[in-house]
Amino acid sequence: MAETTLHIAGRRYDIRCRDGEEAHLAHLASLIEEKAKAAQQGAPGMTEVRSLLFAALIGVLTTVQAY
């Protein structure tokens, strides 16, 4: 089992994952971070939790629309 650290919305998350998944998780974290920043810029003053919720929703909608 591997360990990696993800940085999302200014927070550090130490997590465990399967060996070899570290780069993939870092990539996913960067996508979430990008969407969270976009949500924050679109609605200044939004709480961290709400911006992460919107980031997740935007990511899911983008994926669903691709199919």
C-alpha atoms as a PDB file:
ATOM      1  CA  MET A   1       0.000   0.000   0.000  1.00  0.00           C
ATOM      2  CA  ALA A   2       1.355   3.410  -0.961  1.00  0.00           C
ATOM      3  CA  GLU A   3       0.921   6.774   0.717  1.00  0.00           C
ATOM      4  CA  THR A   4       0.593  10.141  -0.969  1.00  0.00           C
ATOM      5  CA  THR A   5      -0.305  13.700  -0.088  1.00  0.00           C
ATOM      6  CA  LEU A   6      -2.934  15.648  -1.998  1.00  0.00           C
ATOM      7  CA  HIS A   7      -3.397  19.416  -1.788  1.00  0.00           C
ATOM      8  CA  ILE A   8      -6.944  20.595  -2.421  1.00  0.00           C
ATOM      9  CA  ALA A   9      -8.402  24.007  -1.562  1.00  0.00           C
ATOM     10  CA  GLY A  10      -5.425  24.939   0.567  1.00  0.00           C
ATOM     11  CA  ARG A  11      -5.607  21.787   2.647  1.00  0.00           C
ATOM     12  CA  ARG A  12      -3.282  18.852   2.847  1.00  0.00           C
ATOM     13  CA  TYR A  13      -4.686  15.328   2.722  1.00  0.00           C
ATOM     14  CA  ASP A  14      -2.432  12.395   3.539  1.00  0.00           C
ATOM     15  CA  ILE A  15      -4.024   9.294   2.058  1.00  0.00           C
ATOM     16  CA  ARG A  16      -3.237   5.676   1.331  1.00  0.00           C
ATOM     17  CA  CYS A  17      -3.788   4.100  -2.032  1.00  0.00           C
ATOM     18  CA  ARG A  18      -2.782   1.112  -4.081  1.00  0.00           C
ATOM     19  CA  ASP A  19       0.797   1.058  -5.284  1.00  0.00           C
ATOM     20  CA  GLY A  20       1.130   2.976  -8.532  1.00  0.00           C
ATOM     21  CA  GLU A  21      -2.029   5.086  -8.104  1.00  0.00           C
ATOM     22  CA  GLU A  22      -0.238   8.114  -6.672  1.00  0.00           C
ATOM     23  CA  ALA A  23       0.130   9.995  -9.971  1.00  0.00           C
ATOM     24  CA  HIS A  24      -3.486   9.346 -10.953  1.00  0.00           C
ATOM     25  CA  LEU A  25      -4.744  10.639  -7.607  1.00  0.00           C
ATOM     26  CA  ALA A  26      -2.526  13.723  -7.894  1.00  0.00           C
ATOM     27  CA  HIS A  27      -4.016  14.379 -11.330  1.00  0.00           C
ATOM     28  CA  LEU A  28      -7.570  14.025  -9.990  1.00  0.00           C
ATOM     29  CA  ALA A  29      -6.729  16.352  -7.103  1.00  0.00           C
ATOM     30  CA  SER A  30      -5.440  18.963  -9.564  1.00  0.00           C
ATOM     31  CA  LEU A  31      -8.708  18.737 -11.521  1.00  0.00           C
ATOM     32  CA  ILE A  32     -10.725  19.225  -8.330  1.00  0.00           C
ATOM     33  CA  GLU A  33      -8.503  22.144  -7.329  1.00  0.00           C
ATOM     34  CA  GLU A  34      -9.033  23.765 -10.745  1.00  0.00           C
ATOM     35  CA  LYS A  35     -12.833  23.412 -10.515  1.00  0.00           C
ATOM     36  CA  ALA A  36     -12.865  24.677  -6.914  1.00  0.00           C
ATOM     37  CA  LYS A  37     -10.936  27.796  -7.938  1.00  0.00           C
ATOM     38  CA  ALA A  38     -13.380  28.399 -10.796  1.00  0.00           C
ATOM     39  CA  ALA A  39     -16.310  28.064  -8.388  1.00  0.00           C
ATOM     40  CA  GLN A  40     -14.672  30.512  -5.953  1.00  0.00           C
ATOM     41  CA  GLN A  41     -14.057  33.049  -8.726  1.00  0.00           C
ATOM     42  CA  GLY A  42     -17.647  32.712  -9.935  1.00  0.00           C
ATOM     43  CA  ALA A  43     -19.076  33.334  -6.477  1.00  0.00           C
ATOM     44  CA  PRO A  44     -16.662  35.224  -4.210  1.00  0.00           C
ATOM     45  CA  GLY A  45     -17.185  34.587  -0.518  1.00  0.00           C
ATOM     46  CA  MET A  46     -18.326  31.018  -1.070  1.00  0.00           C
ATOM     47  CA  THR A  47     -17.317  28.695   1.754  1.00  0.00           C
ATOM     48  CA  GLU A  48     -14.648  26.064   1.183  1.00  0.00           C
ATOM     49  CA  VAL A  49     -17.144  23.234   1.563  1.00  0.00           C
ATOM     50  CA  ARG A  50     -19.538  24.791  -0.911  1.00  0.00           C
ATOM     51  CA  SER A  51     -16.778  25.463  -3.454  1.00  0.00           C
ATOM     52  CA  LEU A  52     -15.672  21.814  -3.221  1.00  0.00           C
ATOM     53  CA  LEU A  53     -19.291  20.702  -3.638  1.00  0.00           C
ATOM     54  CA  PHE A  54     -19.626  22.820  -6.766  1.00  0.00           C
ATOM     55  CA  ALA A  55     -16.285  21.520  -8.035  1.00  0.00           C
ATOM     56  CA  ALA A  56     -17.546  17.950  -7.652  1.00  0.00           C
ATOM     57  CA  LEU A  57     -20.843  18.775  -9.364  1.00  0.00           C
ATOM     58  CA  ILE A  58     -19.103  20.529 -12.259  1.00  0.00           C
ATOM     59  CA  GLY A  59     -16.755  17.559 -12.654  1.00  0.00           C
ATOM     60  CA  VAL A  60     -19.627  15.065 -12.672  1.00  0.00           C
ATOM     61  CA  LEU A  61     -21.689  17.124 -15.107  1.00  0.00           C
ATOM     62  CA  THR A  62     -18.725  17.503 -17.434  1.00  0.00           C
ATOM     63  CA  THR A  63     -18.208  13.735 -17.398  1.00  0.00           C
ATOM     64  CA  VAL A  64     -21.899  12.967 -17.971  1.00  0.00           C
ATOM     65  CA  GLN A  65     -22.130  15.425 -20.856  1.00  0.00           C
ATOM     66  CA  ALA A  66     -19.149  13.738 -22.524  1.00  0.00           C
ATOM     67  CA  TYR A  67     -21.201  10.538 -22.894  1.00  0.00           C
END
